[in-house]
Amino acid sequence: GEPGGLMRTNIPSFRLPHTVLNEEIAMITGMGVELKPIPRGE
């Protein structure tokens, strides 16, 4: 549901705070990268 893959789901937030991850993702999307959801297995 949220971008970040294994960084979001497998790295504990005390090691990689979600605010930092969200800022990094915002920088990537700010360059024009498009994020699209894809159902598992597709």
Full PDB file with SEQRES, HELIX, SHEET, SSBOND, CRYST1, ORIGX, SCALE, CONECT and MASTER records, all heavy atoms in Angstrom:
SEQRES   1 A   42  GLY GLU PRO GLY GLY LEU MET ARG THR ASN ILE PRO SER          
SEQRES   2 A   42  PHE ARG LEU PRO HIS THR VAL LEU ASN GLU GLU ILE ALA          
SEQRES   3 A   42  MET ILE THR GLY MET GLY VAL GLU LEU LYS PRO ILE PRO          
SEQRES   4 A   42  ARG GLY GLU                                                  
HELIX    1 AA1 GLY A    5  THR A    9  1                                   5    
HELIX    2 AA2 HIS A   18  GLY A   30  1                                  13    
CRYST1    1.000    1.000    1.000  90.00  90.00  90.00 P 1           1          
ORIGX1      1.000000  0.000000  0.000000        0.00000                         
ORIGX2      0.000000  1.000000  0.000000        0.00000                         
ORIGX3      0.000000  0.000000  1.000000        0.00000                         
SCALE1      1.000000  0.000000  0.000000        0.00000                         
SCALE2      0.000000  1.000000  0.000000        0.00000                         
SCALE3      0.000000  0.000000  1.000000        0.00000                         
ATOM      1  N   GLY A   1       0.797  -1.220   0.000  1.00  0.00           N  
ATOM      2  CA  GLY A   1       0.000   0.000   0.000  1.00  0.00           C  
ATOM      3  C   GLY A   1       0.831   1.271   0.000  1.00  0.00           C  
ATOM      4  O   GLY A   1       0.425   2.287  -0.531  1.00  0.00           O  
ATOM      5  N   GLU A   2       2.015   1.206   0.611  1.00  0.00           N  
ATOM      6  CA  GLU A   2       2.915   2.355   0.652  1.00  0.00           C  
ATOM      7  C   GLU A   2       4.216   1.985  -0.046  1.00  0.00           C  
ATOM      8  O   GLU A   2       4.680   0.855   0.069  1.00  0.00           O  
ATOM      9  CB  GLU A   2       3.227   2.739   2.095  1.00  0.00           C  
ATOM     10  CG  GLU A   2       2.044   3.277   2.868  1.00  0.00           C  
ATOM     11  CD  GLU A   2       2.452   3.673   4.263  1.00  0.00           C  
ATOM     12  OE1 GLU A   2       2.533   2.794   5.127  1.00  0.00           O  
ATOM     13  OE2 GLU A   2       2.709   4.878   4.476  1.00  0.00           O  
ATOM     14  N   PRO A   3       4.837   2.926  -0.751  1.00  0.00           N  
ATOM     15  CA  PRO A   3       6.100   2.613  -1.410  1.00  0.00           C  
ATOM     16  C   PRO A   3       7.226   2.439  -0.396  1.00  0.00           C  
ATOM     17  O   PRO A   3       7.158   2.943   0.717  1.00  0.00           O  
ATOM     18  CB  PRO A   3       6.350   3.828  -2.306  1.00  0.00           C  
ATOM     19  CG  PRO A   3       5.574   4.927  -1.683  1.00  0.00           C  
ATOM     20  CD  PRO A   3       4.394   4.282  -1.025  1.00  0.00           C  
ATOM     21  N   GLY A   4       8.246   1.728  -0.794  1.00  0.00           N  
ATOM     22  CA  GLY A   4       9.403   1.531   0.071  1.00  0.00           C  
ATOM     23  C   GLY A   4       9.832   0.081   0.137  1.00  0.00           C  
ATOM     24  O   GLY A   4      10.929  -0.227   0.564  1.00  0.00           O  
ATOM     25  N   GLY A   5       8.949  -0.818  -0.289  1.00  0.00           N  
ATOM     26  CA  GLY A   5       9.286  -2.234  -0.343  1.00  0.00           C  
ATOM     27  C   GLY A   5       9.809  -2.776   0.971  1.00  0.00           C  
ATOM     28  O   GLY A   5       9.277  -2.478   2.039  1.00  0.00           O  
ATOM     29  N   LEU A   6      10.891  -3.555   0.879  1.00  0.00           N  
ATOM     30  CA  LEU A   6      11.443  -4.200   2.063  1.00  0.00           C  
ATOM     31  C   LEU A   6      12.036  -3.207   3.052  1.00  0.00           C  
ATOM     32  O   LEU A   6      12.133  -3.506   4.238  1.00  0.00           O  
ATOM     33  CB  LEU A   6      12.495  -5.230   1.661  1.00  0.00           C  
ATOM     34  CG  LEU A   6      11.950  -6.447   0.922  1.00  0.00           C  
ATOM     35  CD1 LEU A   6      13.082  -7.354   0.473  1.00  0.00           C  
ATOM     36  CD2 LEU A   6      10.980  -7.217   1.790  1.00  0.00           C  
ATOM     37  N   MET A   7      12.408  -2.028   2.562  1.00  0.00           N  
ATOM     38  CA  MET A   7      12.921  -1.018   3.503  1.00  0.00           C  
ATOM     39  C   MET A   7      11.822  -0.618   4.481  1.00  0.00           C  
ATOM     40  O   MET A   7      12.074  -0.366   5.649  1.00  0.00           O  
ATOM     41  CB  MET A   7      13.436   0.214   2.760  1.00  0.00           C  
ATOM     42  CG  MET A   7      14.700  -0.046   1.984  1.00  0.00           C  
ATOM     43  SD  MET A   7      15.388   1.443   1.245  1.00  0.00           S  
ATOM     44  CE  MET A   7      14.095   1.868   0.082  1.00  0.00           C  
ATOM     45  N   ARG A   8      10.590  -0.576   4.004  1.00  0.00           N  
ATOM     46  CA  ARG A   8       9.473  -0.196   4.871  1.00  0.00           C  
ATOM     47  C   ARG A   8       8.988  -1.376   5.705  1.00  0.00           C  
ATOM     48  O   ARG A   8       8.623  -1.226   6.864  1.00  0.00           O  
ATOM     49  CB  ARG A   8       8.313   0.362   4.060  1.00  0.00           C  
ATOM     50  CG  ARG A   8       7.197   0.915   4.941  1.00  0.00           C  
ATOM     51  CD  ARG A   8       6.097   1.590   4.163  1.00  0.00           C  
ATOM     52  NE  ARG A   8       6.517   2.706   3.355  1.00  0.00           N  
ATOM     53  CZ  ARG A   8       6.719   3.948   3.807  1.00  0.00           C  
ATOM     54  NH1 ARG A   8       6.552   4.213   5.074  1.00  0.00           N  
ATOM     55  NH2 ARG A   8       7.089   4.901   2.986  1.00  0.00           N  
ATOM     56  N   THR A   9       8.976  -2.563   5.119  1.00  0.00           N  
ATOM     57  CA  THR A   9       8.367  -3.699   5.816  1.00  0.00           C  
ATOM     58  C   THR A   9       9.336  -4.507   6.666  1.00  0.00           C  
ATOM     59  O   THR A   9       8.910  -5.148   7.622  1.00  0.00           O  
ATOM     60  CB  THR A   9       7.700  -4.649   4.803  1.00  0.00           C  
ATOM     61  OG1 THR A   9       8.681  -5.143   3.891  1.00  0.00           O  
ATOM     62  CG2 THR A   9       6.581  -3.955   4.043  1.00  0.00           C  
ATOM     63  N   ASN A  10      10.629  -4.511   6.345  1.00  0.00           N  
ATOM     64  CA  ASN A  10      11.559  -5.389   7.058  1.00  0.00           C  
ATOM     65  C   ASN A  10      12.587  -4.670   7.916  1.00  0.00           C  
ATOM     66  O   ASN A  10      13.235  -5.306   8.732  1.00  0.00           O  
ATOM     67  CB  ASN A  10      12.293  -6.297   6.067  1.00  0.00           C  
ATOM     68  CG  ASN A  10      11.400  -7.384   5.521  1.00  0.00           C  
ATOM     69  OD1 ASN A  10      10.182  -7.269   5.545  1.00  0.00           O  
ATOM     70  ND2 ASN A  10      11.995  -8.447   5.042  1.00  0.00           N  
ATOM     71  N   ILE A  11      12.776  -3.377   7.716  1.00  0.00           N  
ATOM     72  CA  ILE A  11      13.725  -2.628   8.546  1.00  0.00           C  
ATOM     73  C   ILE A  11      12.921  -1.936   9.640  1.00  0.00           C  
ATOM     74  O   ILE A  11      12.000  -1.174   9.343  1.00  0.00           O  
ATOM     75  CB  ILE A  11      14.526  -1.595   7.724  1.00  0.00           C  
ATOM     76  CG1 ILE A  11      15.344  -2.305   6.646  1.00  0.00           C  
ATOM     77  CG2 ILE A  11      15.420  -0.759   8.639  1.00  0.00           C  
ATOM     78  CD1 ILE A  11      16.078  -1.376   5.705  1.00  0.00           C  
ATOM     79  N   PRO A  12      13.253  -2.200  10.906  1.00  0.00           N  
ATOM     80  CA  PRO A  12      12.490  -1.590  12.003  1.00  0.00           C  
ATOM     81  C   PRO A  12      12.566  -0.061  11.943  1.00  0.00           C  
ATOM     82  O   PRO A  12      13.588   0.511  11.563  1.00  0.00           O  
ATOM     83  CB  PRO A  12      13.187  -2.104  13.269  1.00  0.00           C  
ATOM     84  CG  PRO A  12      14.048  -3.234  12.840  1.00  0.00           C  
ATOM     85  CD  PRO A  12      14.332  -3.062  11.386  1.00  0.00           C  
ATOM     86  N   SER A  13      11.482   0.580  12.333  1.00  0.00           N  
ATOM     87  CA  SER A  13      11.417   2.037  12.236  1.00  0.00           C  
ATOM     88  C   SER A  13      12.406   2.734  13.174  1.00  0.00           C  
ATOM     89  O   SER A  13      12.748   3.884  12.946  1.00  0.00           O  
ATOM     90  CB  SER A  13       9.997   2.537  12.496  1.00  0.00           C  
ATOM     91  OG  SER A  13       9.583   2.156  13.791  1.00  0.00           O  
ATOM     92  N   PHE A  14      12.902   2.050  14.210  1.00  0.00           N  
ATOM     93  CA  PHE A  14      13.912   2.691  15.059  1.00  0.00           C  
ATOM     94  C   PHE A  14      15.266   2.727  14.351  1.00  0.00           C  
ATOM     95  O   PHE A  14      16.125   3.517  14.710  1.00  0.00           O  
ATOM     96  CB  PHE A  14      14.024   2.020  16.435  1.00  0.00           C  
ATOM     97  CG  PHE A  14      14.577   0.614  16.419  1.00  0.00           C  
ATOM     98  CD1 PHE A  14      15.942   0.386  16.470  1.00  0.00           C  
ATOM     99  CD2 PHE A  14      13.721  -0.466  16.371  1.00  0.00           C  
ATOM    100  CE1 PHE A  14      16.444  -0.909  16.472  1.00  0.00           C  
ATOM    101  CE2 PHE A  14      14.208  -1.762  16.370  1.00  0.00           C  
ATOM    102  CZ  PHE A  14      15.579  -1.984  16.420  1.00  0.00           C  
ATOM    103  N   ARG A  15      15.454   1.901  13.311  1.00  0.00           N  
ATOM    104  CA  ARG A  15      16.685   1.945  12.519  1.00  0.00           C  
ATOM    105  C   ARG A  15      16.519   2.843  11.293  1.00  0.00           C  
ATOM    106  O   ARG A  15      17.444   3.518  10.883  1.00  0.00           O  
ATOM    107  CB  ARG A  15      17.080   0.548  12.063  1.00  0.00           C  
ATOM    108  CG  ARG A  15      17.517  -0.333  13.187  1.00  0.00           C  
ATOM    109  CD  ARG A  15      18.179  -1.573  12.633  1.00  0.00           C  
ATOM    110  NE  ARG A  15      18.456  -2.531  13.672  1.00  0.00           N  
ATOM    111  CZ  ARG A  15      19.592  -2.591  14.340  1.00  0.00           C  
ATOM    112  NH1 ARG A  15      20.553  -1.748  14.072  1.00  0.00           N  
ATOM    113  NH2 ARG A  15      19.773  -3.496  15.267  1.00  0.00           N  
ATOM    114  N   LEU A  16      15.353   2.795  10.674  1.00  0.00           N  
ATOM    115  CA  LEU A  16      15.041   3.639   9.516  1.00  0.00           C  
ATOM    116  C   LEU A  16      13.656   4.238   9.743  1.00  0.00           C  
ATOM    117  O   LEU A  16      12.641   3.617   9.424  1.00  0.00           O  
ATOM    118  CB  LEU A  16      15.067   2.823   8.217  1.00  0.00           C  
ATOM    119  CG  LEU A  16      14.692   3.571   6.944  1.00  0.00           C  
ATOM    120  CD1 LEU A  16      15.644   4.736   6.687  1.00  0.00           C  
ATOM    121  CD2 LEU A  16      14.698   2.618   5.755  1.00  0.00           C  
ATOM    122  N   PRO A  17      13.601   5.424  10.341  1.00  0.00           N  
ATOM    123  CA  PRO A  17      12.297   6.042  10.621  1.00  0.00           C  
ATOM    124  C   PRO A  17      11.492   6.242   9.334  1.00  0.00           C  
ATOM    125  O   PRO A  17      12.042   6.577   8.282  1.00  0.00           O  
ATOM    126  CB  PRO A  17      12.667   7.388  11.249  1.00  0.00           C  
ATOM    127  CG  PRO A  17      14.063   7.208  11.752  1.00  0.00           C  
ATOM    128  CD  PRO A  17      14.717   6.244  10.802  1.00  0.00           C  
ATOM    129  N   HIS A  18      10.193   6.028   9.447  1.00  0.00           N  
ATOM    130  CA  HIS A  18       9.322   6.175   8.276  1.00  0.00           C  
ATOM    131  C   HIS A  18       9.356   7.593   7.718  1.00  0.00           C  
ATOM    132  O   HIS A  18       9.199   7.789   6.515  1.00  0.00           O  
ATOM    133  CB  HIS A  18       7.890   5.750   8.619  1.00  0.00           C  
ATOM    134  CG  HIS A  18       7.758   4.288   8.872  1.00  0.00           C  
ATOM    135  ND1 HIS A  18       7.784   3.359   7.861  1.00  0.00           N  
ATOM    136  CD2 HIS A  18       7.620   3.586  10.007  1.00  0.00           C  
ATOM    137  CE1 HIS A  18       7.664   2.151   8.365  1.00  0.00           C  
ATOM    138  NE2 HIS A  18       7.562   2.255   9.686  1.00  0.00           N  
ATOM    139  N   THR A  19       9.602   8.582   8.580  1.00  0.00           N  
ATOM    140  CA  THR A  19       9.687   9.959   8.080  1.00  0.00           C  
ATOM    141  C   THR A  19      10.882  10.118   7.144  1.00  0.00           C  
ATOM    142  O   THR A  19      10.779  10.791   6.122  1.00  0.00           O  
ATOM    143  CB  THR A  19       9.799  10.964   9.237  1.00  0.00           C  
ATOM    144  OG1 THR A  19      10.903  10.598  10.070  1.00  0.00           O  
ATOM    145  CG2 THR A  19       8.533  10.997  10.072  1.00  0.00           C  
ATOM    146  N   VAL A  20      11.998   9.487   7.480  1.00  0.00           N  
ATOM    147  CA  VAL A  20      13.186   9.561   6.626  1.00  0.00           C  
ATOM    148  C   VAL A  20      12.922   8.838   5.310  1.00  0.00           C  
ATOM    149  O   VAL A  20      13.227   9.349   4.227  1.00  0.00           O  
ATOM    150  CB  VAL A  20      14.422   8.960   7.345  1.00  0.00           C  
ATOM    151  CG1 VAL A  20      15.608   8.857   6.395  1.00  0.00           C  
ATOM    152  CG2 VAL A  20      14.771   9.772   8.574  1.00  0.00           C  
ATOM    153  N   LEU A  21      12.329   7.660   5.382  1.00  0.00           N  
ATOM    154  CA  LEU A  21      11.998   6.899   4.170  1.00  0.00           C  
ATOM    155  C   LEU A  21      11.029   7.687   3.290  1.00  0.00           C  
ATOM    156  O   LEU A  21      11.220   7.766   2.068  1.00  0.00           O  
ATOM    157  CB  LEU A  21      11.402   5.545   4.550  1.00  0.00           C  
ATOM    158  CG  LEU A  21      11.117   4.578   3.421  1.00  0.00           C  
ATOM    159  CD1 LEU A  21      12.376   4.284   2.601  1.00  0.00           C  
ATOM    160  CD2 LEU A  21      10.541   3.282   3.965  1.00  0.00           C  
ATOM    161  N   ASN A  22      10.029   8.297   3.892  1.00  0.00           N  
ATOM    162  CA  ASN A  22       9.069   9.100   3.116  1.00  0.00           C  
ATOM    163  C   ASN A  22       9.748  10.285   2.438  1.00  0.00           C  
ATOM    164  O   ASN A  22       9.419  10.624   1.299  1.00  0.00           O  
ATOM    165  CB  ASN A  22       7.936   9.589   4.014  1.00  0.00           C  
ATOM    166  CG  ASN A  22       7.038   8.460   4.469  1.00  0.00           C  
ATOM    167  OD1 ASN A  22       6.992   7.397   3.844  1.00  0.00           O  
ATOM    168  ND2 ASN A  22       6.341   8.671   5.566  1.00  0.00           N  
ATOM    169  N   GLU A  23      10.708  10.910   3.124  1.00  0.00           N  
ATOM    170  CA  GLU A  23      11.439  12.031   2.524  1.00  0.00           C  
ATOM    171  C   GLU A  23      12.265  11.561   1.327  1.00  0.00           C  
ATOM    172  O   GLU A  23      12.321  12.244   0.301  1.00  0.00           O  
ATOM    173  CB  GLU A  23      12.352  12.692   3.559  1.00  0.00           C  
ATOM    174  CG  GLU A  23      11.610  13.470   4.619  1.00  0.00           C  
ATOM    175  CD  GLU A  23      12.517  13.940   5.749  1.00  0.00           C  
ATOM    176  OE1 GLU A  23      13.746  13.735   5.664  1.00  0.00           O  
ATOM    177  OE2 GLU A  23      11.985  14.503   6.720  1.00  0.00           O  
ATOM    178  N   GLU A  24      12.916  10.417   1.463  1.00  0.00           N  
ATOM    179  CA  GLU A  24      13.716   9.870   0.363  1.00  0.00           C  
ATOM    180  C   GLU A  24      12.835   9.523  -0.836  1.00  0.00           C  
ATOM    181  O   GLU A  24      13.183   9.803  -1.985  1.00  0.00           O  
ATOM    182  CB  GLU A  24      14.485   8.625   0.827  1.00  0.00           C  
ATOM    183  CG  GLU A  24      15.511   8.895   1.901  1.00  0.00           C  
ATOM    184  CD  GLU A  24      16.726   9.629   1.374  1.00  0.00           C  
ATOM    185  OE1 GLU A  24      17.104   9.421   0.207  1.00  0.00           O  
ATOM    186  OE2 GLU A  24      17.308  10.411   2.145  1.00  0.00           O  
ATOM    187  N   ILE A  25      11.692   8.919  -0.582  1.00  0.00           N  
ATOM    188  CA  ILE A  25      10.767   8.567  -1.661  1.00  0.00           C  
ATOM    189  C   ILE A  25      10.229   9.836  -2.321  1.00  0.00           C  
ATOM    190  O   ILE A  25      10.088   9.899  -3.549  1.00  0.00           O  
ATOM    191  CB  ILE A  25       9.628   7.668  -1.130  1.00  0.00           C  
ATOM    192  CG1 ILE A  25      10.208   6.305  -0.732  1.00  0.00           C  
ATOM    193  CG2 ILE A  25       8.512   7.515  -2.161  1.00  0.00           C  
ATOM    194  CD1 ILE A  25       9.275   5.426   0.063  1.00  0.00           C  
ATOM    195  N   ALA A  26       9.972  10.872  -1.529  1.00  0.00           N  
ATOM    196  CA  ALA A  26       9.498  12.139  -2.080  1.00  0.00           C  
ATOM    197  C   ALA A  26      10.548  12.766  -3.000  1.00  0.00           C  
ATOM    198  O   ALA A  26      10.206  13.354  -4.033  1.00  0.00           O  
ATOM    199  CB  ALA A  26       9.127  13.107  -0.955  1.00  0.00           C  
ATOM    200  N   MET A  27      11.834  12.623  -2.654  1.00  0.00           N  
ATOM    201  CA  MET A  27      12.886  13.141  -3.534  1.00  0.00           C  
ATOM    202  C   MET A  27      12.895  12.390  -4.866  1.00  0.00           C  
ATOM    203  O   MET A  27      13.067  12.992  -5.925  1.00  0.00           O  
ATOM    204  CB  MET A  27      14.247  13.028  -2.857  1.00  0.00           C  
ATOM    205  CG  MET A  27      14.503  14.100  -1.826  1.00  0.00           C  
ATOM    206  SD  MET A  27      16.222  14.179  -1.308  1.00  0.00           S  
ATOM    207  CE  MET A  27      16.239  12.934  -0.038  1.00  0.00           C  
ATOM    208  N   ILE A  28      12.699  11.086  -4.804  1.00  0.00           N  
ATOM    209  CA  ILE A  28      12.686  10.268  -6.018  1.00  0.00           C  
ATOM    210  C   ILE A  28      11.484  10.624  -6.890  1.00  0.00           C  
ATOM    211  O   ILE A  28      11.623  10.842  -8.091  1.00  0.00           O  
ATOM    212  CB  ILE A  28      12.691   8.771  -5.651  1.00  0.00           C  
ATOM    213  CG1 ILE A  28      14.030   8.403  -5.013  1.00  0.00           C  
ATOM    214  CG2 ILE A  28      12.407   7.903  -6.866  1.00  0.00           C  
ATOM    215  CD1 ILE A  28      14.060   7.038  -4.364  1.00  0.00           C  
ATOM    216  N   THR A  29      10.311  10.703  -6.287  1.00  0.00           N  
ATOM    217  CA  THR A  29       9.128  11.048  -7.077  1.00  0.00           C  
ATOM    218  C   THR A  29       9.179  12.500  -7.540  1.00  0.00           C  
ATOM    219  O   THR A  29       8.621  12.834  -8.579  1.00  0.00           O  
ATOM    220  CB  THR A  29       7.832  10.780  -6.289  1.00  0.00           C  
ATOM    221  OG1 THR A  29       7.866  11.505  -5.061  1.00  0.00           O  
ATOM    222  CG2 THR A  29       7.655   9.293  -6.010  1.00  0.00           C  
ATOM    223  N   GLY A  30       9.875  13.348  -6.792  1.00  0.00           N  
ATOM    224  CA  GLY A  30      10.033  14.743  -7.191  1.00  0.00           C  
ATOM    225  C   GLY A  30      10.847  14.910  -8.464  1.00  0.00           C  
ATOM    226  O   GLY A  30      10.738  15.914  -9.156  1.00  0.00           O  
ATOM    227  N   MET A  31      11.668  13.907  -8.778  1.00  0.00           N  
ATOM    228  CA  MET A  31      12.444  13.937 -10.024  1.00  0.00           C  
ATOM    229  C   MET A  31      11.600  13.480 -11.213  1.00  0.00           C  
ATOM    230  O   MET A  31      12.065  13.513 -12.341  1.00  0.00           O  
ATOM    231  CB  MET A  31      13.671  13.030  -9.909  1.00  0.00           C  
ATOM    232  CG  MET A  31      14.700  13.533  -8.942  1.00  0.00           C  
ATOM    233  SD  MET A  31      16.271  12.623  -9.030  1.00  0.00           S  
ATOM    234  CE  MET A  31      15.783  10.947  -8.751  1.00  0.00           C  
ATOM    235  N   GLY A  32      10.367  13.029 -10.941  1.00  0.00           N  
ATOM    236  CA  GLY A  32       9.494  12.612 -12.023  1.00  0.00           C  
ATOM    237  C   GLY A  32       9.257  11.116 -12.113  1.00  0.00           C  
ATOM    238  O   GLY A  32       8.613  10.651 -13.042  1.00  0.00           O  
ATOM    239  N   VAL A  33       9.781  10.351 -11.150  1.00  0.00           N  
ATOM    240  CA  VAL A  33       9.534   8.911 -11.137  1.00  0.00           C  
ATOM    241  C   VAL A  33       8.073   8.674 -10.798  1.00  0.00           C  
ATOM    242  O   VAL A  33       7.533   9.276  -9.869  1.00  0.00           O  
ATOM    243  CB  VAL A  33      10.441   8.197 -10.111  1.00  0.00           C  
ATOM    244  CG1 VAL A  33      10.064   6.741  -9.952  1.00  0.00           C  
ATOM    245  CG2 VAL A  33      11.895   8.316 -10.519  1.00  0.00           C  
ATOM    246  N   GLU A  34       7.435   7.802 -11.558  1.00  0.00           N  
ATOM    247  CA  GLU A  34       6.024   7.491 -11.348  1.00  0.00           C  
ATOM    248  C   GLU A  34       5.909   6.228 -10.498  1.00  0.00           C  
ATOM    249  O   GLU A  34       6.612   5.253 -10.728  1.00  0.00           O  
ATOM    250  CB  GLU A  34       5.344   7.264 -12.697  1.00  0.00           C  
ATOM    251  CG  GLU A  34       3.869   7.026 -12.607  1.00  0.00           C  
ATOM    252  CD  GLU A  34       3.223   6.832 -13.970  1.00  0.00           C  
ATOM    253  OE1 GLU A  34       3.938   6.820 -14.988  1.00  0.00           O  
ATOM    254  OE2 GLU A  34       1.998   6.676 -13.994  1.00  0.00           O  
ATOM    255  N   LEU A  35       5.036   6.257  -9.494  1.00  0.00           N  
ATOM    256  CA  LEU A  35       4.762   5.089  -8.663  1.00  0.00           C  
ATOM    257  C   LEU A  35       3.403   4.522  -9.037  1.00  0.00           C  
ATOM    258  O   LEU A  35       2.417   5.263  -9.110  1.00  0.00           O  
ATOM    259  CB  LEU A  35       4.745   5.472  -7.184  1.00  0.00           C  
ATOM    260  CG  LEU A  35       6.068   5.843  -6.552  1.00  0.00           C  
ATOM    261  CD1 LEU A  35       5.841   6.382  -5.146  1.00  0.00           C  
ATOM    262  CD2 LEU A  35       6.995   4.653  -6.507  1.00  0.00           C  
ATOM    263  N   LYS A  36       3.354   3.208  -9.276  1.00  0.00           N  
ATOM    264  CA  LYS A  36       2.089   2.556  -9.602  1.00  0.00           C  
ATOM    265  C   LYS A  36       1.945   1.296  -8.756  1.00  0.00           C  
ATOM    266  O   LYS A  36       2.900   0.539  -8.612  1.00  0.00           O  
ATOM    267  CB  LYS A  36       2.047   2.143 -11.073  1.00  0.00           C  
ATOM    268  CG  LYS A  36       1.876   3.264 -12.039  1.00  0.00           C  
ATOM    269  CD  LYS A  36       1.693   2.712 -13.434  1.00  0.00           C  
ATOM    270  CE  LYS A  36       1.467   3.813 -14.439  1.00  0.00           C  
ATOM    271  NZ  LYS A  36       1.294   3.278 -15.794  1.00  0.00           N  
ATOM    272  N   PRO A  37       0.759   1.069  -8.222  1.00  0.00           N  
ATOM    273  CA  PRO A  37       0.552  -0.184  -7.487  1.00  0.00           C  
ATOM    274  C   PRO A  37       0.419  -1.357  -8.458  1.00  0.00           C  
ATOM    275  O   PRO A  37      -0.047  -1.198  -9.587  1.00  0.00           O  
ATOM    276  CB  PRO A  37      -0.763   0.056  -6.743  1.00  0.00           C  
ATOM    277  CG  PRO A  37      -1.472   1.087  -7.558  1.00  0.00           C  
ATOM    278  CD  PRO A  37      -0.410   1.936  -8.208  1.00  0.00           C  
ATOM    279  N   ILE A  38       0.854  -2.521  -8.027  1.00  0.00           N  
ATOM    280  CA  ILE A  38       0.693  -3.739  -8.814  1.00  0.00           C  
ATOM    281  C   ILE A  38       0.322  -4.855  -7.846  1.00  0.00           C  
ATOM    282  O   ILE A  38       0.967  -5.017  -6.804  1.00  0.00           O  
ATOM    283  CB  ILE A  38       1.960  -4.096  -9.624  1.00  0.00           C  
ATOM    284  CG1 ILE A  38       1.725  -5.305 -10.490  1.00  0.00           C  
ATOM    285  CG2 ILE A  38       3.149  -4.296  -8.719  1.00  0.00           C  
ATOM    286  CD1 ILE A  38       2.822  -5.585 -11.498  1.00  0.00           C  
ATOM    287  N   PRO A  39      -0.748  -5.584  -8.134  1.00  0.00           N  
ATOM    288  CA  PRO A  39      -1.136  -6.670  -7.225  1.00  0.00           C  
ATOM    289  C   PRO A  39      -0.059  -7.740  -7.158  1.00  0.00           C  
ATOM    290  O   PRO A  39       0.641  -8.002  -8.136  1.00  0.00           O  
ATOM    291  CB  PRO A  39      -2.413  -7.239  -7.871  1.00  0.00           C  
ATOM    292  CG  PRO A  39      -2.909  -6.162  -8.777  1.00  0.00           C  
ATOM    293  CD  PRO A  39      -1.686  -5.419  -9.239  1.00  0.00           C  
ATOM    294  N   ARG A  40       0.076  -8.348  -6.008  1.00  0.00           N  
ATOM    295  CA  ARG A  40       1.053  -9.422  -5.810  1.00  0.00           C  
ATOM    296  C   ARG A  40       0.798 -10.527  -6.832  1.00  0.00           C  
ATOM    297  O   ARG A  40      -0.328 -10.924  -7.083  1.00  0.00           O  
ATOM    298  CB  ARG A  40       0.921  -9.984  -4.399  1.00  0.00           C  
ATOM    299  CG  ARG A  40       1.838 -11.138  -4.134  1.00  0.00           C  
ATOM    300  CD  ARG A  40       1.746 -11.569  -2.717  1.00  0.00           C  
ATOM    301  NE  ARG A  40       3.025 -11.230  -2.128  1.00  0.00           N  
ATOM    302  CZ  ARG A  40       3.295 -11.276  -0.857  1.00  0.00           C  
ATOM    303  NH1 ARG A  40       2.370 -11.613  -0.014  1.00  0.00           N  
ATOM    304  NH2 ARG A  40       4.490 -10.978  -0.424  1.00  0.00           N  
ATOM    305  N   GLY A  41       1.874 -10.995  -7.461  1.00  0.00           N  
ATOM    306  CA  GLY A  41       1.768 -12.063  -8.441  1.00  0.00           C  
ATOM    307  C   GLY A  41       1.525 -11.590  -9.864  1.00  0.00           C  
ATOM    308  O   GLY A  41       1.483 -12.394 -10.783  1.00  0.00           O  
ATOM    309  N   GLU A  42       1.364 -10.297 -10.061  1.00  0.00           N  
ATOM    310  CA  GLU A  42       1.085  -9.767 -11.395  1.00  0.00           C  
ATOM    311  C   GLU A  42       2.347  -9.341 -12.143  1.00  0.00           C  
ATOM    312  O   GLU A  42       2.267  -8.870 -13.269  1.00  0.00           O  
ATOM    313  CB  GLU A  42       0.115  -8.581 -11.310  1.00  0.00           C  
ATOM    314  CG  GLU A  42      -1.256  -8.952 -10.802  1.00  0.00           C  
ATOM    315  CD  GLU A  42      -2.015  -9.848 -11.776  1.00  0.00           C  
ATOM    316  OE1 GLU A  42      -1.953  -9.605 -12.989  1.00  0.00           O  
ATOM    317  OE2 GLU A  42      -2.656 -10.801 -11.302  1.00  0.00           O  
TER     318      GLU A  42                                                      
MASTER        0    0    0    2    0    0    0    6  317    1    0    4          
END                                                                             
